[in-house]
PDB file of N, CA and C in Angstrom:
ATOM      1  N   THR A   1     161.550 175.108 187.751  1.00  0.00           N
ATOM      2  CA  THR A   1     160.682 176.261 187.473  1.00  0.00           C
ATOM      3  C   THR A   1     161.336 177.438 187.681  1.00  0.00           C
ATOM      4  N   ASN A   2     160.799 178.372 186.664  1.00  0.00           N
ATOM      5  CA  ASN A   2     161.094 179.851 186.915  1.00  0.00           C
ATOM      6  C   ASN A   2     162.779 180.178 186.660  1.00  0.00           C
ATOM      7  N   ASN A   3     163.281 179.511 185.742  1.00  0.00           N
ATOM      8  CA  ASN A   3     164.761 179.821 185.249  1.00  0.00           C
ATOM      9  C   ASN A   3     164.591 180.407 183.960  1.00  0.00           C
ATOM     10  N   ALA A   4     165.838 181.305 183.772  1.00  0.00           N
ATOM     11  CA  ALA A   4     165.964 181.889 182.616  1.00  0.00           C
ATOM     12  C   ALA A   4     167.247 181.467 181.831  1.00  0.00           C
ATOM     13  N   LEU A   5     167.063 180.811 180.659  1.00  0.00           N
ATOM     14  CA  LEU A   5     168.268 180.476 179.817  1.00  0.00           C
ATOM     15  C   LEU A   5     167.950 180.578 178.413  1.00  0.00           C
ATOM     16  N   ARG A   6     169.132 180.399 177.819  1.00  0.00           N
ATOM     17  CA  ARG A   6     169.114 180.345 176.310  1.00  0.00           C
ATOM     18  C   ARG A   6     168.739 179.015 175.696  1.00  0.00           C
ATOM     19  N   HIS A   7     167.844 178.715 174.853  1.00  0.00           N
ATOM     20  CA  HIS A   7     167.456 177.415 174.460  1.00  0.00           C
ATOM     21  C   HIS A   7     168.671 176.812 173.591  1.00  0.00           C
ATOM     22  N   SER A   8     169.375 177.617 172.747  1.00  0.00           N
ATOM     23  CA  SER A   8     170.271 177.122 171.900  1.00  0.00           C
ATOM     24  C   SER A   8     169.774 176.061 170.820  1.00  0.00           C
ATOM     25  N   GLN A   9     170.702 175.391 170.272  1.00  0.00           N
ATOM     26  CA  GLN A   9     170.295 174.283 169.521  1.00  0.00           C
ATOM     27  C   GLN A   9     169.191 173.294 169.893  1.00  0.00           C
ATOM     28  N   TYR A  10     169.431 172.721 171.165  1.00  0.00           N
ATOM     29  CA  TYR A  10     168.804 171.631 171.695  1.00  0.00           C
ATOM     30  C   TYR A  10     167.977 172.016 172.924  1.00  0.00           C
ATOM     31  N   GLY A  11     168.193 172.973 173.665  1.00  0.00           N
ATOM     32  CA  GLY A  11     167.510 173.118 174.958  1.00  0.00           C
ATOM     33  C   GLY A  11     167.563 171.940 175.861  1.00  0.00           C
ATOM     34  N   ILE A  12     166.540 171.549 176.375  1.00  0.00           N
ATOM     35  CA  ILE A  12     166.565 170.497 177.472  1.00  0.00           C
ATOM     36  C   ILE A  12     166.698 169.350 176.579  1.00  0.00           C
ATOM     37  N   ASN A  13     167.651 168.444 176.473  1.00  0.00           N
ATOM     38  CA  ASN A  13     168.128 167.221 175.736  1.00  0.00           C
ATOM     39  C   ASN A  13     168.687 166.153 176.428  1.00  0.00           C
ATOM     40  N   GLY A  14     168.613 165.181 176.197  1.00  0.00           N
ATOM     41  CA  GLY A  14     169.310 163.937 176.564  1.00  0.00           C
ATOM     42  C   GLY A  14     169.249 162.836 175.688  1.00  0.00           C
ATOM     43  N   ASP A  15     170.305 162.120 175.906  1.00  0.00           N
ATOM     44  CA  ASP A  15     170.701 160.855 174.956  1.00  0.00           C
ATOM     45  C   ASP A  15     169.493 159.994 174.681  1.00  0.00           C
ATOM     46  N   GLY A  16     169.216 159.660 173.578  1.00  0.00           N
ATOM     47  CA  GLY A  16     168.016 158.503 173.207  1.00  0.00           C
ATOM     48  C   GLY A  16     166.742 159.198 173.250  1.00  0.00           C
ATOM     49  N   PHE A  17     166.642 160.506 173.451  1.00  0.00           N
ATOM     50  CA  PHE A  17     165.074 161.258 173.368  1.00  0.00           C
ATOM     51  C   PHE A  17     165.221 162.317 172.495  1.00  0.00           C
ATOM     52  N   ALA A  18     164.158 162.651 172.014  1.00  0.00           N
ATOM     53  CA  ALA A  18     164.129 164.055 171.170  1.00  0.00           C
ATOM     54  C   ALA A  18     164.112 165.094 172.278  1.00  0.00           C
ATOM     55  N   TRP A  19     164.637 166.258 171.750  1.00  0.00           N
ATOM     56  CA  TRP A  19     164.749 167.471 172.873  1.00  0.00           C
ATOM     57  C   TRP A  19     163.310 167.924 172.946  1.00  0.00           C
ATOM     58  N   GLY A  20     163.247 168.496 174.255  1.00  0.00           N
ATOM     59  CA  GLY A  20     161.969 169.060 174.864  1.00  0.00           C
ATOM     60  C   GLY A  20     161.245 168.058 175.856  1.00  0.00           C
ATOM     61  N   THR A  21     159.744 167.935 175.552  1.00  0.00           N
ATOM     62  CA  THR A  21     159.108 167.215 176.368  1.00  0.00           C
ATOM     63  C   THR A  21     159.504 165.730 176.544  1.00  0.00           C
ATOM     64  N   SER A  22     159.946 165.139 175.180  1.00  0.00           N
ATOM     65  CA  SER A  22     160.267 163.790 175.414  1.00  0.00           C
ATOM     66  C   SER A  22     161.554 163.674 176.257  1.00  0.00           C
ATOM     67  N   THR A  23     162.424 164.553 176.105  1.00  0.00           N
ATOM     68  CA  THR A  23     163.651 164.105 177.158  1.00  0.00           C
ATOM     69  C   THR A  23     163.165 164.592 178.635  1.00  0.00           C
ATOM     70  N   ILE A  24     162.087 165.423 178.865  1.00  0.00           N
ATOM     71  CA  ILE A  24     161.817 165.689 180.112  1.00  0.00           C
ATOM     72  C   ILE A  24     161.007 164.386 180.708  1.00  0.00           C
ATOM     73  N   ALA A  25     160.025 163.613 179.768  1.00  0.00           N
ATOM     74  CA  ALA A  25     159.524 162.443 180.216  1.00  0.00           C
ATOM     75  C   ALA A  25     160.473 161.454 180.290  1.00  0.00           C
ATOM     76  N   GLY A  26     161.487 161.176 179.418  1.00  0.00           N
ATOM     77  CA  GLY A  26     162.371 160.096 179.958  1.00  0.00           C
ATOM     78  C   GLY A  26     163.313 160.166 180.858  1.00  0.00           C
ATOM     79  N   TYR A  27     163.869 161.288 181.049  1.00  0.00           N
ATOM     80  CA  TYR A  27     164.808 161.547 182.310  1.00  0.00           C
ATOM     81  C   TYR A  27     164.213 162.016 183.523  1.00  0.00           C
ATOM     82  N   PHE A  28     162.982 162.626 183.561  1.00  0.00           N
ATOM     83  CA  PHE A  28     162.562 163.036 184.664  1.00  0.00           C
ATOM     84  C   PHE A  28     161.121 162.950 184.829  1.00  0.00           C
ATOM     85  N   PRO A  29     160.562 161.647 184.972  1.00  0.00           N
ATOM     86  CA  PRO A  29     159.240 161.220 184.767  1.00  0.00           C
ATOM     87  C   PRO A  29     158.336 162.123 185.788  1.00  0.00           C
ATOM     88  N   GLY A  30     157.293 162.568 185.437  1.00  0.00           N
ATOM     89  CA  GLY A  30     156.599 163.403 186.525  1.00  0.00           C
ATOM     90  C   GLY A  30     157.074 164.647 186.850  1.00  0.00           C
ATOM     91  N   GLY A  31     158.291 165.172 186.201  1.00  0.00           N
ATOM     92  CA  GLY A  31     158.778 166.347 186.427  1.00  0.00           C
ATOM     93  C   GLY A  31     158.285 167.484 186.044  1.00  0.00           C
ATOM     94  N   VAL A  32     158.322 168.460 186.798  1.00  0.00           N
ATOM     95  CA  VAL A  32     157.667 169.856 186.334  1.00  0.00           C
ATOM     96  C   VAL A  32     158.424 170.767 185.715  1.00  0.00           C
ATOM     97  N   VAL A  33     158.189 171.071 184.317  1.00  0.00           N
ATOM     98  CA  VAL A  33     159.069 172.425 183.689  1.00  0.00           C
ATOM     99  C   VAL A  33     157.795 173.323 183.445  1.00  0.00           C
ATOM    100  N   ARG A  34     157.742 174.421 184.242  1.00  0.00           N
ATOM    101  CA  ARG A  34     157.029 175.373 184.119  1.00  0.00           C
ATOM    102  C   ARG A  34     157.535 176.787 184.447  1.00  0.00           C
ATOM    103  N   GLY A  35     157.103 177.855 183.848  1.00  0.00           N
ATOM    104  CA  GLY A  35     157.501 179.224 184.470  1.00  0.00           C
ATOM    105  C   GLY A  35     158.828 179.562 183.842  1.00  0.00           C
ATOM    106  N   ASN A  36     159.233 178.753 182.889  1.00  0.00           N
ATOM    107  CA  ASN A  36     160.757 178.939 182.643  1.00  0.00           C
ATOM    108  C   ASN A  36     160.852 179.912 181.023  1.00  0.00           C
ATOM    109  N   TRP A  37     161.869 180.518 181.103  1.00  0.00           N
ATOM    110  CA  TRP A  37     162.368 181.174 179.806  1.00  0.00           C
ATOM    111  C   TRP A  37     163.273 180.553 179.069  1.00  0.00           C
ATOM    112  N   LEU A  38     163.087 179.719 178.022  1.00  0.00           N
ATOM    113  CA  LEU A  38     163.883 179.206 177.116  1.00  0.00           C
ATOM    114  C   LEU A  38     164.041 179.809 175.900  1.00  0.00           C
ATOM    115  N   GLN A  39     164.834 181.078 176.072  1.00  0.00           N
ATOM    116  CA  GLN A  39     164.827 181.962 175.126  1.00  0.00           C
ATOM    117  C   GLN A  39     165.123 181.559 173.598  1.00  0.00           C
ATOM    118  N   GLY A  40     164.306 181.584 172.579  1.00  0.00           N
ATOM    119  CA  GLY A  40     164.668 180.995 171.405  1.00  0.00           C
ATOM    120  C   GLY A  40     164.219 179.731 170.904  1.00  0.00           C
ATOM    121  N   GLY A  41     163.410 179.034 172.073  1.00  0.00           N
ATOM    122  CA  GLY A  41     162.923 177.674 171.895  1.00  0.00           C
ATOM    123  C   GLY A  41     161.697 177.613 171.172  1.00  0.00           C
ATOM    124  N   THR A  42     161.211 176.358 171.023  1.00  0.00           N
ATOM    125  CA  THR A  42     160.054 176.282 170.173  1.00  0.00           C
ATOM    126  C   THR A  42     158.903 175.721 171.354  1.00  0.00           C
ATOM    127  N   ALA A  43     157.814 176.505 171.608  1.00  0.00           N
ATOM    128  CA  ALA A  43     156.879 176.100 172.455  1.00  0.00           C
ATOM    129  C   ALA A  43     156.251 174.685 172.249  1.00  0.00           C
ATOM    130  N   SER A  44     156.003 174.257 170.998  1.00  0.00           N
ATOM    131  CA  SER A  44     155.369 173.171 170.874  1.00  0.00           C
ATOM    132  C   SER A  44     156.071 172.000 171.220  1.00  0.00           C
ATOM    133  N   ARG A  45     157.474 172.065 171.557  1.00  0.00           N
ATOM    134  CA  ARG A  45     158.177 170.926 172.149  1.00  0.00           C
ATOM    135  C   ARG A  45     158.292 170.998 173.520  1.00  0.00           C
ATOM    136  N   TYR A  46     157.747 171.602 174.279  1.00  0.00           N
ATOM    137  CA  TYR A  46     157.751 171.859 175.605  1.00  0.00           C
ATOM    138  C   TYR A  46     156.239 171.801 176.337  1.00  0.00           C
ATOM    139  N   PRO A  47     156.255 171.535 177.678  1.00  0.00           N
ATOM    140  CA  PRO A  47     154.955 171.624 178.476  1.00  0.00           C
ATOM    141  C   PRO A  47     154.439 173.140 178.298  1.00  0.00           C
ATOM    142  N   ALA A  48     153.112 173.270 178.318  1.00  0.00           N
ATOM    143  CA  ALA A  48     152.623 174.635 178.520  1.00  0.00           C
ATOM    144  C   ALA A  48     153.397 175.406 179.851  1.00  0.00           C
ATOM    145  N   GLY A  49     153.059 176.616 179.775  1.00  0.00           N
ATOM    146  CA  GLY A  49     153.482 177.508 180.884  1.00  0.00           C
ATOM    147  C   GLY A  49     154.884 177.749 180.805  1.00  0.00           C
ATOM    148  N   ASN A  50     155.363 177.822 179.787  1.00  0.00           N
ATOM    149  CA  ASN A  50     156.959 178.401 179.626  1.00  0.00           C
ATOM    150  C   ASN A  50     156.949 179.557 178.560  1.00  0.00           C
ATOM    151  N   THR A  51     157.872 180.221 178.577  1.00  0.00           N
ATOM    152  CA  THR A  51     158.186 181.452 177.892  1.00  0.00           C
ATOM    153  C   THR A  51     159.203 181.305 176.813  1.00  0.00           C
ATOM    154  N   PHE A  52     159.046 181.681 175.655  1.00  0.00           N
ATOM    155  CA  PHE A  52     160.362 181.596 174.469  1.00  0.00           C
ATOM    156  C   PHE A  52     160.625 182.890 173.809  1.00  0.00           C
ATOM    157  N   SER A  53     159.652 183.867 173.607  1.00  0.00           N
ATOM    158  CA  SER A  53     160.251 185.044 173.175  1.00  0.00           C
ATOM    159  C   SER A  53     161.159 185.953 173.866  1.00  0.00           C
ATOM    160  N   GLY A  54     161.490 186.956 173.088  1.00  0.00           N
ATOM    161  CA  GLY A  54     162.349 187.848 173.502  1.00  0.00           C
ATOM    162  C   GLY A  54     163.937 187.876 173.332  1.00  0.00           C
ATOM    163  N   THR A  55     164.659 188.624 173.770  1.00  0.00           N
ATOM    164  CA  THR A  55     166.048 188.527 173.371  1.00  0.00           C
ATOM    165  C   THR A  55     166.674 188.575 174.844  1.00  0.00           C
ATOM    166  N   PHE A  56     167.957 187.974 175.141  1.00  0.00           N
ATOM    167  CA  PHE A  56     168.652 188.444 176.336  1.00  0.00           C
ATOM    168  C   PHE A  56     168.971 189.809 176.358  1.00  0.00           C
ATOM    169  N   ALA A  57     169.366 190.428 175.536  1.00  0.00           N
ATOM    170  CA  ALA A  57     169.844 192.105 175.335  1.00  0.00           C
ATOM    171  C   ALA A  57     168.397 192.810 175.866  1.00  0.00           C
ATOM    172  N   SER A  58     167.380 192.567 175.498  1.00  0.00           N
ATOM    173  CA  SER A  58     166.039 193.163 175.986  1.00  0.00           C
ATOM    174  C   SER A  58     165.565 192.727 177.318  1.00  0.00           C
ATOM    175  N   ALA A  59     165.785 191.631 177.801  1.00  0.00           N
ATOM    176  CA  ALA A  59     165.382 191.117 179.022  1.00  0.00           C
ATOM    177  C   ALA A  59     166.083 191.762 180.247  1.00  0.00           C
ATOM    178  N   PHE A  60     167.343 192.341 180.111  1.00  0.00           N
ATOM    179  CA  PHE A  60     168.223 192.679 181.158  1.00  0.00           C
ATOM    180  C   PHE A  60     168.600 194.040 181.108  1.00  0.00           C
ATOM    181  N   VAL A  61     168.846 194.566 182.164  1.00  0.00           N
ATOM    182  CA  VAL A  61     169.414 195.999 182.423  1.00  0.00           C
ATOM    183  C   VAL A  61     170.506 196.473 181.335  1.00  0.00           C
ATOM    184  N   ASP A  62     171.529 195.523 181.411  1.00  0.00           N
ATOM    185  CA  ASP A  62     172.864 195.745 180.497  1.00  0.00           C
ATOM    186  C   ASP A  62     173.655 194.346 180.675  1.00  0.00           C
ATOM    187  N   GLN A  63     173.139 193.307 179.602  1.00  0.00           N
ATOM    188  CA  GLN A  63     173.674 191.847 179.673  1.00  0.00           C
ATOM    189  C   GLN A  63     175.163 192.027 179.142  1.00  0.00           C
ATOM    190  N   SER A  64     175.608 193.039 178.249  1.00  0.00           N
ATOM    191  CA  SER A  64     176.757 193.366 177.815  1.00  0.00           C
ATOM    192  C   SER A  64     177.830 193.642 178.960  1.00  0.00           C
ATOM    193  N   GLN A  65     177.336 194.289 179.839  1.00  0.00           N
ATOM    194  CA  GLN A  65     178.238 194.636 180.975  1.00  0.00           C
ATOM    195  C   GLN A  65     177.914 193.698 182.418  1.00  0.00           C
ATOM    196  N   GLY A  66     177.123 192.744 182.267  1.00  0.00           N
ATOM    197  CA  GLY A  66     176.880 191.528 183.201  1.00  0.00           C
ATOM    198  C   GLY A  66     175.959 192.046 184.313  1.00  0.00           C
ATOM    199  N   ASP A  67     175.119 193.070 183.858  1.00  0.00           N
ATOM    200  CA  ASP A  67     174.176 193.571 184.730  1.00  0.00           C
ATOM    201  C   ASP A  67     172.927 192.717 184.375  1.00  0.00           C
ATOM    202  N   TYR A  68     172.532 191.734 185.037  1.00  0.00           N
ATOM    203  CA  TYR A  68     171.414 190.750 184.898  1.00  0.00           C
ATOM    204  C   TYR A  68     170.005 190.932 185.642  1.00  0.00           C
ATOM    205  N   ARG A  69     170.141 192.319 186.162  1.00  0.00           N
ATOM    206  CA  ARG A  69     168.784 192.771 186.724  1.00  0.00           C
ATOM    207  C   ARG A  69     167.726 192.897 185.722  1.00  0.00           C
ATOM    208  N   LEU A  70     166.500 192.537 185.770  1.00  0.00           N
ATOM    209  CA  LEU A  70     165.436 192.653 184.718  1.00  0.00           C
ATOM    210  C   LEU A  70     165.163 194.005 184.426  1.00  0.00           C
ATOM    211  N   SER A  71     165.035 194.347 182.885  1.00  0.00           N
ATOM    212  CA  SER A  71     164.596 195.569 182.450  1.00  0.00           C
ATOM    213  C   SER A  71     163.240 195.620 182.670  1.00  0.00           C
ATOM    214  N   ALA A  72     162.871 197.010 182.975  1.00  0.00           N
ATOM    215  CA  ALA A  72     161.190 197.118 183.094  1.00  0.00           C
ATOM    216  C   ALA A  72     160.248 196.432 182.023  1.00  0.00           C
ATOM    217  N   SER A  73     161.079 196.639 180.813  1.00  0.00           N
ATOM    218  CA  SER A  73     159.864 195.722 179.788  1.00  0.00           C
ATOM    219  C   SER A  73     160.297 194.284 179.593  1.00  0.00           C
ATOM    220  N   SER A  74     161.294 193.709 180.331  1.00  0.00           N
ATOM    221  CA  SER A  74     161.493 192.457 180.169  1.00  0.00           C
ATOM    222  C   SER A  74     160.264 191.387 180.167  1.00  0.00           C
ATOM    223  N   VAL A  75     160.429 190.393 179.183  1.00  0.00           N
ATOM    224  CA  VAL A  75     159.468 189.422 179.165  1.00  0.00           C
ATOM    225  C   VAL A  75     159.348 188.427 180.316  1.00  0.00           C
ATOM    226  N   LEU A  76     160.545 188.511 181.238  1.00  0.00           N
ATOM    227  CA  LEU A  76     160.661 187.768 182.457  1.00  0.00           C
ATOM    228  C   LEU A  76     159.751 188.406 183.338  1.00  0.00           C
ATOM    229  N   VAL A  77     159.212 189.642 183.531  1.00  0.00           N
ATOM    230  CA  VAL A  77     158.624 190.265 184.473  1.00  0.00           C
ATOM    231  C   VAL A  77     157.103 189.680 184.616  1.00  0.00           C
ATOM    232  N   GLY A  78     156.747 188.946 185.742  1.00  0.00           N
ATOM    233  CA  GLY A  78     155.398 188.369 186.048  1.00  0.00           C
ATOM    234  C   GLY A  78     155.075 187.186 185.194  1.00  0.00           C
ATOM    235  N   ALA A  79     156.332 186.688 184.625  1.00  0.00           N
ATOM    236  CA  ALA A  79     155.964 185.458 183.820  1.00  0.00           C
ATOM    237  C   ALA A  79     156.459 184.244 184.645  1.00  0.00           C
ATOM    238  N   ALA A  80     156.764 184.168 185.846  1.00  0.00           N
ATOM    239  CA  ALA A  80     157.033 182.960 186.729  1.00  0.00           C
ATOM    240  C   ALA A  80     155.945 182.197 186.882  1.00  0.00           C
ATOM    241  N   ALA A  81     155.924 180.876 187.298  1.00  0.00           N
ATOM    242  CA  ALA A  81     154.802 180.036 187.333  1.00  0.00           C
ATOM    243  C   ALA A  81     153.954 180.534 188.843  1.00  0.00           C
ATOM    244  N   ASP A  82     154.542 181.344 189.565  1.00  0.00           N
ATOM    245  CA  ASP A  82     153.831 181.985 190.740  1.00  0.00           C
ATOM    246  C   ASP A  82     153.432 183.391 190.467  1.00  0.00           C
ATOM    247  N   GLY A  83     153.423 183.808 189.332  1.00  0.00           N
ATOM    248  CA  GLY A  83     153.231 185.170 189.090  1.00  0.00           C
ATOM    249  C   GLY A  83     154.347 186.269 189.294  1.00  0.00           C
ATOM    250  N   GLY A  84     155.232 185.755 189.835  1.00  0.00           N
ATOM    251  CA  GLY A  84     156.584 186.520 190.025  1.00  0.00           C
ATOM    252  C   GLY A  84     157.367 186.749 188.913  1.00  0.00           C
ATOM    253  N   ASN A  85     158.549 187.120 189.031  1.00  0.00           N
ATOM    254  CA  ASN A  85     159.490 187.064 187.919  1.00  0.00           C
ATOM    255  C   ASN A  85     160.309 185.919 187.657  1.00  0.00           C
ATOM    256  N   ILE A  86     160.523 185.717 186.525  1.00  0.00           N
ATOM    257  CA  ILE A  86     161.484 184.437 186.256  1.00  0.00           C
ATOM    258  C   ILE A  86     163.066 184.817 186.444  1.00  0.00           C
ATOM    259  N   GLY A  87     163.469 183.972 187.110  1.00  0.00           N
ATOM    260  CA  GLY A  87     165.217 184.058 187.393  1.00  0.00           C
ATOM    261  C   GLY A  87     165.274 184.458 188.823  1.00  0.00           C
ATOM    262  N   ALA A  88     166.527 184.884 189.168  1.00  0.00           N
ATOM    263  CA  ALA A  88     166.808 185.201 190.503  1.00  0.00           C
ATOM    264  C   ALA A  88     166.511 186.474 190.730  1.00  0.00           C
ATOM    265  N   ASP A  89     166.242 186.702 191.892  1.00  0.00           N
ATOM    266  CA  ASP A  89     165.749 188.043 192.470  1.00  0.00           C
ATOM    267  C   ASP A  89     167.032 188.854 192.713  1.00  0.00           C
ATOM    268  N   LEU A  90     167.589 189.251 191.739  1.00  0.00           N
ATOM    269  CA  LEU A  90     169.166 190.298 191.758  1.00  0.00           C
ATOM    270  C   LEU A  90     169.066 191.284 192.772  1.00  0.00           C
ATOM    271  N   GLU A  91     168.030 192.062 192.875  1.00  0.00           N
ATOM    272  CA  GLU A  91     167.782 193.074 193.783  1.00  0.00           C
ATOM    273  C   GLU A  91     168.225 192.847 195.260  1.00  0.00           C
ATOM    274  N   THR A  92     167.363 191.834 195.544  1.00  0.00           N
ATOM    275  CA  THR A  92     167.456 191.270 196.968  1.00  0.00           C
ATOM    276  C   THR A  92     168.858 190.717 197.233  1.00  0.00           C
ATOM    277  N   LEU A  93     169.377 189.984 196.197  1.00  0.00           N
ATOM    278  CA  LEU A  93     170.581 189.237 196.447  1.00  0.00           C
ATOM    279  C   LEU A  93     171.744 190.121 196.321  1.00  0.00           C
ATOM    280  N   LEU A  94     171.827 191.196 195.590  1.00  0.00           N
ATOM    281  CA  LEU A  94     172.780 192.315 195.720  1.00  0.00           C
ATOM    282  C   LEU A  94     172.585 193.205 196.778  1.00  0.00           C
ATOM    283  N   ASN A  95     171.520 193.496 197.310  1.00  0.00           N
ATOM    284  CA  ASN A  95     171.185 194.241 198.682  1.00  0.00           C
ATOM    285  C   ASN A  95     171.796 193.309 199.852  1.00  0.00           C
ATOM    286  N   GLY A  96     171.394 191.981 199.798  1.00  0.00           N
ATOM    287  CA  GLY A  96     171.886 191.347 200.849  1.00  0.00           C
ATOM    288  C   GLY A  96     173.514 191.034 200.884  1.00  0.00           C
ATOM    289  N   THR A  97     174.204 191.262 199.838  1.00  0.00           N
ATOM    290  CA  THR A  97     175.789 190.917 199.603  1.00  0.00           C
ATOM    291  C   THR A  97     176.304 192.222 199.561  1.00  0.00           C
ATOM    292  N   SER A  98     175.791 193.388 199.428  1.00  0.00           N
ATOM    293  CA  SER A  98     176.477 194.706 199.121  1.00  0.00           C
ATOM    294  C   SER A  98     177.597 194.857 200.097  1.00  0.00           C
ATOM    295  N   ARG A  99     177.633 194.658 201.512  1.00  0.00           N
ATOM    296  CA  ARG A  99     178.467 194.687 202.255  1.00  0.00           C
ATOM    297  C   ARG A  99     179.906 193.594 202.117  1.00  0.00           C
ATOM    298  N   VAL A 100     179.570 192.603 201.722  1.00  0.00           N
ATOM    299  CA  VAL A 100     180.680 191.590 201.381  1.00  0.00           C
ATOM    300  C   VAL A 100     181.486 192.113 200.093  1.00  0.00           C
ATOM    301  N   VAL A 101     180.445 192.404 199.025  1.00  0.00           N
ATOM    302  CA  VAL A 101     181.106 193.047 197.743  1.00  0.00           C
ATOM    303  C   VAL A 101     182.125 194.293 198.143  1.00  0.00           C
ATOM    304  N   GLN A 102     181.677 195.108 199.157  1.00  0.00           N
ATOM    305  CA  GLN A 102     182.293 196.366 199.177  1.00  0.00           C
ATOM    306  C   GLN A 102     183.440 195.957 200.192  1.00  0.00           C
ATOM    307  N   GLY A 103     183.621 194.908 200.539  1.00  0.00           N
ATOM    308  CA  GLY A 103     184.850 194.342 201.488  1.00  0.00           C
ATOM    309  C   GLY A 103     184.694 194.532 202.919  1.00  0.00           C
ATOM    310  N   ASP A 104     183.498 194.772 203.455  1.00  0.00           N
ATOM    311  CA  ASP A 104     183.247 194.913 204.741  1.00  0.00           C
ATOM    312  C   ASP A 104     183.102 193.568 205.530  1.00  0.00           C
ATOM    313  N   ALA A 105     184.346 193.197 206.339  1.00  0.00           N
ATOM    314  CA  ALA A 105     184.320 191.863 206.923  1.00  0.00           C
ATOM    315  C   ALA A 105     184.322 192.032 208.477  1.00  0.00           C
ATOM    316  N   THR A 106     183.454 193.037 208.820  1.00  0.00           N
ATOM    317  CA  THR A 106     183.144 193.368 210.215  1.00  0.00           C
ATOM    318  C   THR A 106     182.360 192.094 210.603  1.00  0.00           C
ATOM    319  N   PRO A 107     182.793 191.576 211.756  1.00  0.00           N
ATOM    320  CA  PRO A 107     181.993 190.154 212.279  1.00  0.00           C
ATOM    321  C   PRO A 107     180.618 190.563 212.744  1.00  0.00           C
ATOM    322  N   ARG A 108     179.687 189.843 212.517  1.00  0.00           N
ATOM    323  CA  ARG A 108     178.316 189.840 212.906  1.00  0.00           C
ATOM    324  C   ARG A 108     178.242 188.894 214.264  1.00  0.00           C
ATOM    325  N   PRO A 109     177.200 189.513 214.964  1.00  0.00           N
ATOM    326  CA  PRO A 109     176.578 188.554 216.250  1.00  0.00           C
ATOM    327  C   PRO A 109     176.370 187.463 215.689  1.00  0.00           C
ATOM    328  N   LYS A 110     176.754 186.186 216.439  1.00  0.00           N
ATOM    329  CA  LYS A 110     176.212 184.938 216.196  1.00  0.00           C
ATOM    330  C   LYS A 110     174.774 184.667 216.598  1.00  0.00           C
ATOM    331  N   THR A 111     174.071 183.948 215.817  1.00  0.00           N
ATOM    332  CA  THR A 111     172.824 183.734 216.480  1.00  0.00           C
ATOM    333  C   THR A 111     172.851 182.590 217.092  1.00  0.00           C
ATOM    334  N   PRO A 112     172.295 182.660 218.517  1.00  0.00           N
ATOM    335  CA  PRO A 112     172.352 181.547 219.591  1.00  0.00           C
ATOM    336  C   PRO A 112     171.487 180.337 218.755  1.00  0.00           C
ATOM    337  N   THR A 113     172.055 179.114 218.976  1.00  0.00           N
ATOM    338  CA  THR A 113     171.615 177.883 218.565  1.00  0.00           C
ATOM    339  C   THR A 113     171.579 176.873 219.767  1.00  0.00           C
ATOM    340  N   SER A 114     170.792 175.998 219.545  1.00  0.00           N
ATOM    341  CA  SER A 114     170.533 174.610 220.412  1.00  0.00           C
ATOM    342  C   SER A 114     170.890 173.472 219.731  1.00  0.00           C
ATOM    343  N   LEU A 115     171.412 172.605 220.506  1.00  0.00           N
ATOM    344  CA  LEU A 115     171.436 171.165 219.968  1.00  0.00           C
ATOM    345  C   LEU A 115     170.967 170.273 220.890  1.00  0.00           C
ATOM    346  N   ARG A 116     170.035 169.292 220.573  1.00  0.00           N
ATOM    347  CA  ARG A 116     169.652 168.286 221.704  1.00  0.00           C
ATOM    348  C   ARG A 116     169.940 167.039 220.966  1.00  0.00           C
ATOM    349  N   ILE A 117     170.554 166.354 221.898  1.00  0.00           N
ATOM    350  CA  ILE A 117     170.989 164.821 221.309  1.00  0.00           C
ATOM    351  C   ILE A 117     170.102 164.034 222.109  1.00  0.00           C
ATOM    352  N   SER A 118     169.494 162.816 221.425  1.00  0.00           N
ATOM    353  CA  SER A 118     168.607 162.008 222.124  1.00  0.00           C
ATOM    354  C   SER A 118     169.449 160.828 222.017  1.00  0.00           C
ATOM    355  N   ARG A 119     169.339 159.950 223.144  1.00  0.00           N
ATOM    356  CA  ARG A 119     170.183 158.522 222.977  1.00  0.00           C
ATOM    357  C   ARG A 119     169.115 157.669 223.351  1.00  0.00           C
TER     358      ARG A 119
END
């Protein structure tokens, strides 16, 4: 659920099944494929609740420079199964790793843990 990917020629595909819903049913019986963006795919070949329109260039701030934060008008905004955004929350990820990316290797206090062994 809630993934962003290019569909390309076959999208979700597997040997012995037609691409789309047939492959999902054959390889993942009972599997849930919802809230995804399969850019360029065919909606009729997949379960309801997925998105297929738009382009990668318009979905992200600057795909050509590797900036995959969502653009304000992105088709991914609010389209996830839970009403959130499709794809990774890059703002939170980048904020959480900014000190690492900037090279700050300052040790952080360890969180106390406990271990209980039953015999």
